[in-house]
Amino acid sequence: ISPTPLTPLEHCAMSLRRLAVSLRVTLISTILCSLGAGAHYSKPPCLPDETLATVGGRVLCTSSCGDDPGSELEGCPADKPEDSFAKPQCMLATVPSEGTSDPDKRKRYCGLLCKGDSYCPRGSKCTLVDVSKKTDQYGEKNPLASNYPYLVTDDDLRGVCTYKPKKKSKAKSSTGTSQLELKISKSVTLEILRERGIQPPPDWSRTDL
């Protein structure tokens, strides 16, 4: 028995259903791409070759760098979320602590260098260098604060793209260990000062450049 031919209306309905399925697949793919699924520097959880770290109470996925100083990225992954205008850069350093002569205590790490929230991937914000105090929380001089807001303005400031942590009370990774605590490297401060034609103080420590 041959099947009953479809009416023009039924043909139209079938085509619409196929179109709807195709549009759903396209929409899902677009959303995943816009969120940077599978890209470095995305919202945690991090990729296998990344480490979850904190900067200024916020979190980001990072990896160590500085092993290739002759290259533009200094060993940082070039891929990033598609909706990000920030630039991957070796721009983070471990916070000062005892035993800083240990190479592991002086490592540098990658981040997305930004000048404002609009540079960062969706769901993140630009955590800028601190210019509120002439001496930072680690007891080190902050030459940006000494020149802000006259010689160094808001337009000159830079930072790193970060995400809001899921839990503020405890900075723990999925393995139960403390997350890596980082700060914006003095290389970013030095870059800002040089662009403004400002010489850093002669006694300014540059240990994490």
N, C-alpha and C. Protein backbone atom coordinates (compact mmCIF):
# COMPACT_ATOMS: atom_id res chain seq x y z
N ILE A 1 0.86 -1.19 0.00
CA ILE A 1 0.00 0.00 0.00
C ILE A 1 0.89 1.23 0.00
N SER A 2 0.75 2.05 -0.98
CA SER A 2 1.58 3.26 -1.07
C SER A 2 1.11 4.28 -0.05
N PRO A 3 2.06 5.03 0.55
CA PRO A 3 1.68 6.02 1.56
C PRO A 3 0.86 7.15 0.96
N THR A 4 0.00 7.71 1.80
CA THR A 4 -0.85 8.80 1.35
C THR A 4 0.02 10.05 1.14
N PRO A 5 -0.05 10.66 -0.04
CA PRO A 5 0.76 11.86 -0.30
C PRO A 5 0.43 12.97 0.69
N LEU A 6 1.46 13.72 1.06
CA LEU A 6 1.24 14.82 1.98
C LEU A 6 0.59 15.99 1.25
N THR A 7 -0.26 16.66 1.96
CA THR A 7 -0.88 17.85 1.40
C THR A 7 0.13 19.01 1.46
N PRO A 8 -0.06 20.06 0.69
CA PRO A 8 0.84 21.23 0.76
C PRO A 8 0.96 21.79 2.18
N LEU A 9 -0.12 21.76 2.94
CA LEU A 9 -0.09 22.26 4.30
C LEU A 9 0.81 21.39 5.18
N GLU A 10 0.72 20.05 5.00
CA GLU A 10 1.54 19.14 5.77
C GLU A 10 3.02 19.28 5.39
N HIS A 11 3.30 19.47 4.10
CA HIS A 11 4.66 19.72 3.64
C HIS A 11 5.23 20.97 4.33
N CYS A 12 4.40 22.00 4.40
CA CYS A 12 4.83 23.26 5.02
C CYS A 12 5.12 23.06 6.51
N ALA A 13 4.24 22.30 7.19
CA ALA A 13 4.43 22.06 8.62
C ALA A 13 5.71 21.28 8.88
N MET A 14 6.01 20.27 8.04
CA MET A 14 7.23 19.48 8.21
C MET A 14 8.47 20.34 7.99
N SER A 15 8.43 21.21 7.00
CA SER A 15 9.57 22.09 6.73
C SER A 15 9.81 23.05 7.88
N LEU A 16 8.72 23.53 8.48
CA LEU A 16 8.84 24.43 9.61
C LEU A 16 9.46 23.73 10.82
N ARG A 17 9.07 22.47 11.03
CA ARG A 17 9.65 21.72 12.15
C ARG A 17 11.15 21.51 11.96
N ARG A 18 11.55 21.18 10.72
CA ARG A 18 12.97 21.01 10.44
C ARG A 18 13.73 22.32 10.63
N LEU A 19 13.12 23.40 10.21
CA LEU A 19 13.75 24.71 10.38
C LEU A 19 13.90 25.06 11.85
N ALA A 20 12.89 24.73 12.66
CA ALA A 20 12.94 25.03 14.09
C ALA A 20 14.08 24.26 14.75
N VAL A 21 14.25 22.97 14.40
CA VAL A 21 15.34 22.17 14.95
C VAL A 21 16.69 22.77 14.56
N SER A 22 16.81 23.16 13.29
CA SER A 22 18.07 23.75 12.81
C SER A 22 18.39 25.05 13.55
N LEU A 23 17.36 25.87 13.78
CA LEU A 23 17.58 27.14 14.48
C LEU A 23 17.99 26.91 15.92
N ARG A 24 17.40 25.89 16.58
CA ARG A 24 17.77 25.60 17.96
C ARG A 24 19.24 25.18 18.06
N VAL A 25 19.67 24.33 17.13
CA VAL A 25 21.07 23.89 17.12
C VAL A 25 22.00 25.08 16.89
N THR A 26 21.63 25.94 15.94
CA THR A 26 22.45 27.11 15.65
C THR A 26 22.52 28.04 16.85
N LEU A 27 21.38 28.24 17.53
CA LEU A 27 21.34 29.11 18.68
C LEU A 27 22.21 28.58 19.81
N ILE A 28 22.12 27.29 20.09
CA ILE A 28 22.93 26.69 21.14
C ILE A 28 24.42 26.82 20.82
N SER A 29 24.79 26.59 19.55
CA SER A 29 26.19 26.71 19.15
C SER A 29 26.68 28.13 19.31
N THR A 30 25.83 29.09 18.96
CA THR A 30 26.21 30.49 19.07
C THR A 30 26.43 30.89 20.52
N ILE A 31 25.54 30.41 21.41
CA ILE A 31 25.67 30.72 22.83
C ILE A 31 26.95 30.13 23.40
N LEU A 32 27.24 28.88 23.06
CA LEU A 32 28.45 28.23 23.56
C LEU A 32 29.70 28.95 23.08
N CYS A 33 29.69 29.39 21.81
CA CYS A 33 30.84 30.10 21.27
C CYS A 33 31.01 31.45 21.95
N SER A 34 29.87 32.14 22.17
CA SER A 34 29.94 33.47 22.78
C SER A 34 30.42 33.39 24.22
N LEU A 35 30.16 32.27 24.87
CA LEU A 35 30.62 32.09 26.25
C LEU A 35 32.06 31.59 26.31
N GLY A 36 32.63 31.31 25.14
CA GLY A 36 34.02 30.88 25.10
C GLY A 36 34.22 29.46 25.61
N ALA A 37 33.23 28.57 25.37
CA ALA A 37 33.36 27.20 25.85
C ALA A 37 34.62 26.56 25.28
N GLY A 38 35.47 26.03 26.17
CA GLY A 38 36.68 25.39 25.72
C GLY A 38 37.85 26.32 25.54
N ALA A 39 37.67 27.62 25.72
CA ALA A 39 38.76 28.58 25.54
C ALA A 39 39.46 28.84 26.86
N HIS A 40 40.73 29.21 26.79
CA HIS A 40 41.46 29.64 27.98
C HIS A 40 40.87 30.95 28.49
N TYR A 41 41.08 31.23 29.77
CA TYR A 41 40.62 32.46 30.43
C TYR A 41 39.09 32.53 30.57
N SER A 42 38.41 31.40 30.39
CA SER A 42 36.95 31.39 30.53
C SER A 42 36.54 31.32 31.99
N LYS A 43 35.25 31.41 32.21
CA LYS A 43 34.72 31.31 33.57
C LYS A 43 34.98 29.92 34.13
N PRO A 44 35.42 29.81 35.40
CA PRO A 44 35.65 28.49 36.00
C PRO A 44 34.40 27.62 35.90
N PRO A 45 34.56 26.29 35.79
CA PRO A 45 35.77 25.51 36.01
C PRO A 45 36.80 25.67 34.91
N CYS A 46 38.08 25.55 35.28
CA CYS A 46 39.18 25.82 34.37
C CYS A 46 39.51 24.61 33.51
N LEU A 47 40.28 24.85 32.44
CA LEU A 47 40.77 23.78 31.59
C LEU A 47 41.84 22.97 32.34
N PRO A 48 42.13 21.76 31.87
CA PRO A 48 43.11 20.92 32.57
C PRO A 48 44.49 21.56 32.71
N ASP A 49 44.87 22.42 31.76
CA ASP A 49 46.20 23.03 31.84
C ASP A 49 46.17 24.40 32.52
N GLU A 50 45.06 24.72 33.19
CA GLU A 50 44.93 26.00 33.89
C GLU A 50 44.81 25.76 35.40
N THR A 51 45.02 26.85 36.14
CA THR A 51 44.91 26.82 37.60
C THR A 51 43.89 27.87 38.03
N LEU A 52 43.05 27.52 38.99
CA LEU A 52 42.11 28.48 39.55
C LEU A 52 42.84 29.39 40.53
N ALA A 53 42.71 30.70 40.35
CA ALA A 53 43.44 31.65 41.20
C ALA A 53 42.52 32.80 41.60
N THR A 54 42.95 33.54 42.62
CA THR A 54 42.21 34.71 43.08
C THR A 54 43.06 35.97 42.86
N VAL A 55 42.37 37.05 42.50
CA VAL A 55 42.99 38.38 42.38
C VAL A 55 42.02 39.38 42.97
N GLY A 56 42.40 40.00 44.06
CA GLY A 56 41.53 41.00 44.67
C GLY A 56 40.19 40.46 45.11
N GLY A 57 40.15 39.20 45.55
CA GLY A 57 38.91 38.61 46.02
C GLY A 57 38.03 38.03 44.93
N ARG A 58 38.46 38.13 43.67
CA ARG A 58 37.72 37.54 42.56
C ARG A 58 38.56 36.41 41.97
N VAL A 59 37.98 35.63 41.05
CA VAL A 59 38.68 34.44 40.56
C VAL A 59 38.90 34.51 39.05
N LEU A 60 39.84 33.70 38.59
CA LEU A 60 40.11 33.56 37.16
C LEU A 60 40.86 32.27 36.93
N CYS A 61 40.86 31.82 35.68
CA CYS A 61 41.62 30.65 35.28
C CYS A 61 42.92 31.14 34.65
N THR A 62 44.04 30.60 35.09
CA THR A 62 45.34 31.10 34.64
C THR A 62 46.32 29.96 34.44
N SER A 63 47.45 30.28 33.84
CA SER A 63 48.54 29.32 33.66
C SER A 63 49.85 30.07 33.80
N SER A 64 50.91 29.38 34.18
CA SER A 64 52.20 30.03 34.40
C SER A 64 52.81 30.49 33.08
N CYS A 65 53.67 31.50 33.15
CA CYS A 65 54.25 32.08 31.94
C CYS A 65 55.61 32.65 32.25
N GLY A 66 56.18 33.38 31.28
CA GLY A 66 57.48 34.01 31.46
C GLY A 66 58.64 33.14 31.02
N ASP A 67 58.34 31.91 30.53
CA ASP A 67 59.42 31.02 30.10
C ASP A 67 59.93 31.37 28.70
N ASP A 68 59.17 32.22 27.98
CA ASP A 68 59.55 32.60 26.62
C ASP A 68 59.52 34.11 26.50
N PRO A 69 60.46 34.83 27.16
CA PRO A 69 60.41 36.28 27.22
C PRO A 69 60.57 36.97 25.88
N GLY A 70 61.10 36.28 24.88
CA GLY A 70 61.28 36.90 23.57
C GLY A 70 60.00 36.99 22.75
N SER A 71 58.98 36.24 23.14
CA SER A 71 57.74 36.24 22.38
C SER A 71 56.77 37.27 22.93
N GLU A 72 55.78 37.64 22.11
CA GLU A 72 54.81 38.66 22.51
C GLU A 72 53.98 38.22 23.69
N LEU A 73 53.59 36.94 23.71
CA LEU A 73 52.71 36.43 24.77
C LEU A 73 53.49 35.85 25.94
N GLU A 74 54.79 35.68 25.81
CA GLU A 74 55.63 35.13 26.87
C GLU A 74 55.11 33.79 27.38
N GLY A 75 54.64 32.97 26.46
CA GLY A 75 54.19 31.64 26.83
C GLY A 75 52.73 31.53 27.23
N CYS A 76 51.97 32.61 27.13
CA CYS A 76 50.54 32.57 27.48
C CYS A 76 49.71 32.04 26.31
N PRO A 77 48.67 31.25 26.59
CA PRO A 77 47.78 30.78 25.51
C PRO A 77 47.16 31.95 24.77
N ALA A 78 47.11 31.85 23.45
CA ALA A 78 46.58 32.95 22.62
C ALA A 78 45.07 32.92 22.49
N ASP A 79 44.46 31.72 22.66
CA ASP A 79 43.01 31.63 22.51
C ASP A 79 42.31 32.23 23.73
N LYS A 80 41.12 32.74 23.50
CA LYS A 80 40.35 33.39 24.56
C LYS A 80 38.87 33.35 24.18
N PRO A 81 37.95 33.65 25.11
CA PRO A 81 36.54 33.71 24.76
C PRO A 81 36.28 34.68 23.59
N GLU A 82 35.42 34.30 22.68
CA GLU A 82 35.22 35.07 21.45
C GLU A 82 34.68 36.47 21.68
N ASP A 83 33.99 36.68 22.81
CA ASP A 83 33.41 38.00 23.06
C ASP A 83 34.35 38.89 23.86
N SER A 84 35.64 38.51 23.94
CA SER A 84 36.60 39.28 24.72
C SER A 84 37.48 40.13 23.81
N PHE A 85 37.67 41.40 24.20
CA PHE A 85 38.58 42.29 23.49
C PHE A 85 39.88 42.48 24.27
N ALA A 86 39.99 41.84 25.42
CA ALA A 86 41.19 41.94 26.24
C ALA A 86 42.31 41.10 25.61
N LYS A 87 43.54 41.45 25.96
CA LYS A 87 44.71 40.82 25.37
C LYS A 87 45.38 39.87 26.35
N PRO A 88 45.61 38.60 25.95
CA PRO A 88 46.35 37.70 26.82
C PRO A 88 47.75 38.24 27.08
N GLN A 89 48.17 38.22 28.33
CA GLN A 89 49.48 38.76 28.67
C GLN A 89 50.01 38.11 29.94
N CYS A 90 51.33 38.00 30.04
CA CYS A 90 51.98 37.51 31.25
C CYS A 90 52.03 38.68 32.23
N MET A 91 51.02 38.80 33.08
CA MET A 91 50.79 40.05 33.81
C MET A 91 50.46 39.86 35.28
N LEU A 92 50.51 38.63 35.78
CA LEU A 92 50.17 38.38 37.17
C LEU A 92 51.37 37.78 37.90
N ALA A 93 51.42 37.96 39.20
CA ALA A 93 52.52 37.43 40.01
C ALA A 93 51.98 36.94 41.34
N THR A 94 52.69 36.01 41.94
CA THR A 94 52.31 35.54 43.26
C THR A 94 52.48 36.67 44.27
N VAL A 95 51.63 36.68 45.27
CA VAL A 95 51.68 37.75 46.27
C VAL A 95 52.94 37.57 47.12
N PRO A 96 53.51 38.69 47.62
CA PRO A 96 54.71 38.58 48.46
C PRO A 96 54.45 37.73 49.69
N SER A 97 55.41 36.90 50.02
CA SER A 97 55.29 36.04 51.20
C SER A 97 56.68 35.62 51.63
N GLU A 98 56.75 34.92 52.73
CA GLU A 98 58.04 34.43 53.19
C GLU A 98 58.59 33.40 52.20
N GLY A 99 59.89 33.42 52.06
CA GLY A 99 60.51 32.46 51.15
C GLY A 99 60.40 32.86 49.69
N THR A 100 60.40 34.18 49.41
CA THR A 100 60.26 34.62 48.03
C THR A 100 61.50 34.30 47.19
N SER A 101 62.57 33.81 47.82
CA SER A 101 63.73 33.38 47.05
C SER A 101 63.45 32.05 46.34
N ASP A 102 62.41 31.37 46.80
CA ASP A 102 61.99 30.13 46.16
C ASP A 102 61.41 30.47 44.79
N PRO A 103 61.91 29.85 43.70
CA PRO A 103 61.39 30.16 42.36
C PRO A 103 59.88 30.01 42.25
N ASP A 104 59.30 29.04 42.98
CA ASP A 104 57.85 28.83 42.92
C ASP A 104 57.09 30.01 43.52
N LYS A 105 57.75 30.79 44.39
CA LYS A 105 57.11 31.93 45.01
C LYS A 105 57.20 33.19 44.14
N ARG A 106 57.95 33.11 43.03
CA ARG A 106 58.15 34.27 42.18
C ARG A 106 57.65 34.03 40.77
N LYS A 107 56.81 33.02 40.59
CA LYS A 107 56.29 32.70 39.27
C LYS A 107 55.36 33.80 38.77
N ARG A 108 55.27 33.90 37.47
CA ARG A 108 54.32 34.82 36.85
C ARG A 108 53.25 34.02 36.13
N TYR A 109 52.09 34.66 35.96
CA TYR A 109 50.94 33.95 35.41
C TYR A 109 50.21 34.81 34.37
N CYS A 110 49.44 34.12 33.53
CA CYS A 110 48.73 34.77 32.42
C CYS A 110 47.39 35.35 32.86
N GLY A 111 46.95 36.34 32.14
CA GLY A 111 45.63 36.92 32.35
C GLY A 111 45.21 37.71 31.13
N LEU A 112 43.96 38.14 31.11
CA LEU A 112 43.46 38.99 30.02
C LEU A 112 43.61 40.44 30.45
N LEU A 113 44.52 41.17 29.80
CA LEU A 113 44.78 42.57 30.13
C LEU A 113 43.64 43.43 29.61
N CYS A 114 43.03 44.22 30.49
CA CYS A 114 41.86 45.01 30.12
C CYS A 114 42.01 46.46 30.58
N LYS A 115 41.18 47.32 30.02
CA LYS A 115 41.12 48.73 30.43
C LYS A 115 39.74 49.09 30.98
N GLY A 116 38.82 48.15 30.93
CA GLY A 116 37.47 48.37 31.42
C GLY A 116 36.66 47.10 31.27
N ASP A 117 35.47 47.07 31.85
CA ASP A 117 34.63 45.87 31.82
C ASP A 117 34.26 45.44 30.40
N SER A 118 34.14 46.41 29.48
CA SER A 118 33.72 46.09 28.12
C SER A 118 34.77 45.27 27.37
N TYR A 119 36.00 45.23 27.89
CA TYR A 119 37.05 44.43 27.26
C TYR A 119 36.92 42.95 27.61
N CYS A 120 36.23 42.65 28.68
CA CYS A 120 36.24 41.30 29.25
C CYS A 120 35.12 40.41 28.73
N PRO A 121 35.28 39.09 28.86
CA PRO A 121 34.23 38.16 28.46
C PRO A 121 32.95 38.37 29.27
N ARG A 122 31.86 37.90 28.71
CA ARG A 122 30.57 38.02 29.39
C ARG A 122 30.62 37.36 30.76
N GLY A 123 30.08 38.06 31.77
CA GLY A 123 30.06 37.53 33.12
C GLY A 123 31.27 37.91 33.95
N SER A 124 32.24 38.57 33.35
CA SER A 124 33.44 38.98 34.09
C SER A 124 33.56 40.49 34.11
N LYS A 125 34.50 41.00 34.89
CA LYS A 125 34.74 42.43 34.96
C LYS A 125 36.24 42.68 35.01
N CYS A 126 36.63 43.91 34.77
CA CYS A 126 38.04 44.27 34.77
C CYS A 126 38.44 44.74 36.17
N THR A 127 39.29 43.95 36.83
CA THR A 127 39.82 44.32 38.13
C THR A 127 41.07 45.17 37.90
N LEU A 128 40.96 46.47 38.11
CA LEU A 128 42.03 47.41 37.79
C LEU A 128 43.12 47.44 38.87
N VAL A 129 44.29 47.94 38.47
CA VAL A 129 45.36 48.15 39.45
C VAL A 129 44.87 49.15 40.50
N ASP A 130 45.32 48.97 41.71
CA ASP A 130 44.87 49.82 42.81
C ASP A 130 45.67 51.12 42.84
N VAL A 131 44.95 52.24 42.87
CA VAL A 131 45.62 53.55 42.95
C VAL A 131 45.16 54.30 44.20
N SER A 132 44.55 53.59 45.13
CA SER A 132 43.96 54.26 46.30
C SER A 132 44.97 54.51 47.42
N LYS A 133 46.06 53.73 47.45
CA LYS A 133 47.03 53.87 48.54
C LYS A 133 48.44 53.92 47.99
N LYS A 134 49.29 54.76 48.60
CA LYS A 134 50.68 54.89 48.17
C LYS A 134 51.52 53.68 48.62
N THR A 135 51.01 52.95 49.59
CA THR A 135 51.64 51.69 50.00
C THR A 135 50.58 50.60 49.96
N ASP A 136 50.84 49.53 49.22
CA ASP A 136 49.82 48.51 49.05
C ASP A 136 49.70 47.63 50.28
N GLN A 137 48.80 46.66 50.23
CA GLN A 137 48.52 45.81 51.38
C GLN A 137 49.69 44.92 51.76
N TYR A 138 50.69 44.82 50.88
CA TYR A 138 51.85 43.99 51.16
C TYR A 138 53.04 44.83 51.64
N GLY A 139 52.79 46.14 51.87
CA GLY A 139 53.84 47.01 52.37
C GLY A 139 54.79 47.53 51.31
N GLU A 140 54.42 47.38 50.03
CA GLU A 140 55.26 47.83 48.94
C GLU A 140 54.76 49.16 48.37
N LYS A 141 55.69 49.99 47.92
CA LYS A 141 55.31 51.29 47.38
C LYS A 141 54.51 51.14 46.10
N ASN A 142 53.55 52.06 45.92
CA ASN A 142 52.71 52.06 44.73
C ASN A 142 52.88 53.39 44.00
N PRO A 143 53.78 53.47 43.01
CA PRO A 143 54.04 54.73 42.32
C PRO A 143 52.86 55.26 41.53
N LEU A 144 51.90 54.41 41.19
CA LEU A 144 50.72 54.89 40.47
C LEU A 144 49.90 55.81 41.36
N ALA A 145 49.75 55.44 42.63
CA ALA A 145 48.96 56.25 43.56
C ALA A 145 49.56 57.63 43.75
N SER A 146 50.89 57.71 43.68
CA SER A 146 51.57 59.00 43.86
C SER A 146 51.33 59.94 42.70
N ASN A 147 50.96 59.40 41.54
CA ASN A 147 50.77 60.22 40.34
C ASN A 147 49.31 60.30 39.89
N TYR A 148 48.42 59.66 40.65
CA TYR A 148 47.00 59.64 40.31
C TYR A 148 46.27 60.72 41.12
N PRO A 149 45.34 61.47 40.53
CA PRO A 149 44.78 61.36 39.17
C PRO A 149 45.32 62.42 38.20
N TYR A 150 46.47 63.02 38.51
CA TYR A 150 46.95 64.14 37.70
C TYR A 150 47.80 63.69 36.52
N LEU A 151 48.88 62.96 36.79
CA LEU A 151 49.73 62.48 35.71
C LEU A 151 49.28 61.13 35.18
N VAL A 152 48.60 60.35 36.02
CA VAL A 152 48.01 59.08 35.61
C VAL A 152 46.50 59.19 35.84
N THR A 153 45.71 59.02 34.78
CA THR A 153 44.26 59.17 34.87
C THR A 153 43.57 57.80 34.76
N ASP A 154 42.26 57.82 34.90
CA ASP A 154 41.49 56.57 34.79
C ASP A 154 41.68 55.92 33.43
N ASP A 155 41.86 56.72 32.39
CA ASP A 155 42.03 56.17 31.04
C ASP A 155 43.34 55.42 30.88
N ASP A 156 44.30 55.68 31.76
CA ASP A 156 45.61 55.02 31.68
C ASP A 156 45.64 53.69 32.43
N LEU A 157 44.69 53.48 33.32
CA LEU A 157 44.72 52.29 34.18
C LEU A 157 44.41 51.01 33.42
N ARG A 158 44.97 49.92 33.90
CA ARG A 158 44.73 48.61 33.30
C ARG A 158 44.50 47.59 34.40
N GLY A 159 43.98 46.46 33.99
CA GLY A 159 43.69 45.42 34.97
C GLY A 159 43.59 44.07 34.32
N VAL A 160 42.98 43.14 35.02
CA VAL A 160 42.82 41.78 34.53
C VAL A 160 41.36 41.37 34.64
N CYS A 161 40.88 40.61 33.67
CA CYS A 161 39.49 40.15 33.68
C CYS A 161 39.31 39.06 34.74
N THR A 162 38.32 39.23 35.60
CA THR A 162 38.07 38.29 36.69
C THR A 162 36.59 37.98 36.81
N TYR A 163 36.28 36.91 37.52
CA TYR A 163 34.89 36.49 37.74
C TYR A 163 34.56 36.51 39.22
N LYS A 164 33.28 36.65 39.51
CA LYS A 164 32.82 36.61 40.88
C LYS A 164 32.92 35.19 41.41
N PRO A 165 33.51 35.00 42.58
CA PRO A 165 33.63 33.63 43.13
C PRO A 165 32.27 33.10 43.57
N LYS A 166 32.14 31.79 43.56
CA LYS A 166 30.88 31.18 43.99
C LYS A 166 30.69 31.32 45.49
N LYS A 167 31.79 31.19 46.24
CA LYS A 167 31.72 31.32 47.69
C LYS A 167 32.78 32.31 48.14
N LYS A 168 32.35 33.33 48.86
CA LYS A 168 33.28 34.35 49.32
C LYS A 168 33.98 33.96 50.61
N SER A 169 33.36 33.08 51.38
CA SER A 169 33.88 32.79 52.71
C SER A 169 35.16 31.96 52.69
N LYS A 170 35.25 30.99 51.77
CA LYS A 170 36.39 30.10 51.74
C LYS A 170 36.96 30.02 50.34
N ALA A 171 38.22 30.38 50.18
CA ALA A 171 38.88 30.32 48.88
C ALA A 171 39.50 28.94 48.71
N LYS A 172 38.67 27.97 48.34
CA LYS A 172 39.14 26.61 48.17
C LYS A 172 38.88 26.14 46.75
N SER A 173 39.77 25.33 46.23
CA SER A 173 39.59 24.76 44.90
C SER A 173 38.76 23.49 45.02
N SER A 174 38.46 22.88 43.87
CA SER A 174 37.65 21.67 43.87
C SER A 174 38.35 20.52 44.57
N THR A 175 39.68 20.58 44.69
CA THR A 175 40.42 19.52 45.36
C THR A 175 40.54 19.73 46.85
N GLY A 176 40.04 20.90 47.33
CA GLY A 176 40.08 21.17 48.75
C GLY A 176 41.29 21.97 49.19
N THR A 177 42.22 22.23 48.28
CA THR A 177 43.41 23.01 48.62
C THR A 177 43.14 24.49 48.41
N SER A 178 43.95 25.34 49.06
CA SER A 178 43.78 26.77 48.92
C SER A 178 44.08 27.20 47.49
N GLN A 179 43.29 28.13 46.98
CA GLN A 179 43.52 28.63 45.63
C GLN A 179 44.78 29.48 45.60
N LEU A 180 45.37 29.55 44.42
CA LEU A 180 46.55 30.36 44.20
C LEU A 180 46.18 31.84 44.32
N GLU A 181 46.89 32.58 45.15
CA GLU A 181 46.61 34.00 45.34
C GLU A 181 47.61 34.81 44.52
N LEU A 182 47.09 35.63 43.61
CA LEU A 182 47.92 36.43 42.72
C LEU A 182 47.61 37.91 42.85
N LYS A 183 48.50 38.71 42.28
CA LYS A 183 48.27 40.15 42.17
C LYS A 183 48.74 40.60 40.79
N ILE A 184 48.29 41.79 40.39
CA ILE A 184 48.73 42.31 39.10
C ILE A 184 50.22 42.65 39.20
N SER A 185 50.99 42.16 38.26
CA SER A 185 52.44 42.32 38.30
C SER A 185 52.87 43.78 38.17
N LYS A 186 54.03 44.08 38.71
CA LYS A 186 54.58 45.43 38.60
C LYS A 186 54.96 45.77 37.16
N SER A 187 55.02 44.75 36.30
CA SER A 187 55.28 45.02 34.88
C SER A 187 54.17 45.86 34.28
N VAL A 188 52.92 45.67 34.76
CA VAL A 188 51.80 46.48 34.28
C VAL A 188 51.94 47.91 34.78
N THR A 189 52.32 48.08 36.05
CA THR A 189 52.56 49.41 36.60
C THR A 189 53.65 50.13 35.83
N LEU A 190 54.74 49.42 35.55
CA LEU A 190 55.86 50.01 34.83
C LEU A 190 55.46 50.41 33.41
N GLU A 191 54.64 49.60 32.79
CA GLU A 191 54.16 49.91 31.43
C GLU A 191 53.34 51.19 31.42
N ILE A 192 52.48 51.36 32.42
CA ILE A 192 51.67 52.57 32.52
C ILE A 192 52.55 53.80 32.75
N LEU A 193 53.50 53.67 33.66
CA LEU A 193 54.40 54.79 33.96
C LEU A 193 55.21 55.20 32.73
N ARG A 194 55.72 54.24 32.00
CA ARG A 194 56.52 54.54 30.82
C ARG A 194 55.70 55.24 29.74
N GLU A 195 54.47 54.79 29.55
CA GLU A 195 53.61 55.42 28.56
C GLU A 195 53.31 56.87 28.91
N ARG A 196 53.31 57.19 30.21
CA ARG A 196 53.05 58.56 30.65
C ARG A 196 54.35 59.36 30.82
N GLY A 197 55.49 58.73 30.51
CA GLY A 197 56.77 59.42 30.62
C GLY A 197 57.20 59.66 32.05
N ILE A 198 56.79 58.78 32.97
CA ILE A 198 57.10 58.92 34.39
C ILE A 198 58.14 57.89 34.81
N GLN A 199 59.17 58.33 35.48
CA GLN A 199 60.19 57.43 35.99
C GLN A 199 59.76 56.88 37.35
N PRO A 200 59.84 55.57 37.54
CA PRO A 200 59.49 55.01 38.86
C PRO A 200 60.52 55.44 39.90
N PRO A 201 60.14 55.46 41.17
CA PRO A 201 61.09 55.83 42.23
C PRO A 201 62.31 54.92 42.22
N PRO A 202 63.50 55.45 42.48
CA PRO A 202 64.72 54.64 42.45
C PRO A 202 64.71 53.49 43.46
N ASP A 203 63.96 53.64 44.55
CA ASP A 203 63.93 52.58 45.56
C ASP A 203 62.74 51.65 45.40
N TRP A 204 62.09 51.75 44.26
CA TRP A 204 60.90 50.91 44.02
C TRP A 204 61.34 49.48 43.70
N SER A 205 60.84 48.52 44.43
CA SER A 205 61.19 47.12 44.22
C SER A 205 60.54 46.60 42.95
N ARG A 206 61.32 45.87 42.15
CA ARG A 206 60.79 45.34 40.90
C ARG A 206 60.93 43.81 40.87
N THR A 207 60.73 43.19 41.99
CA THR A 207 61.00 41.76 42.11
C THR A 207 60.12 40.90 41.23
N ASP A 208 58.91 41.34 40.90
CA ASP A 208 58.02 40.47 40.11
C ASP A 208 57.89 40.93 38.65
N LEU A 209 58.85 41.72 38.17
CA LEU A 209 58.81 42.12 36.77
C LEU A 209 59.14 40.94 35.87
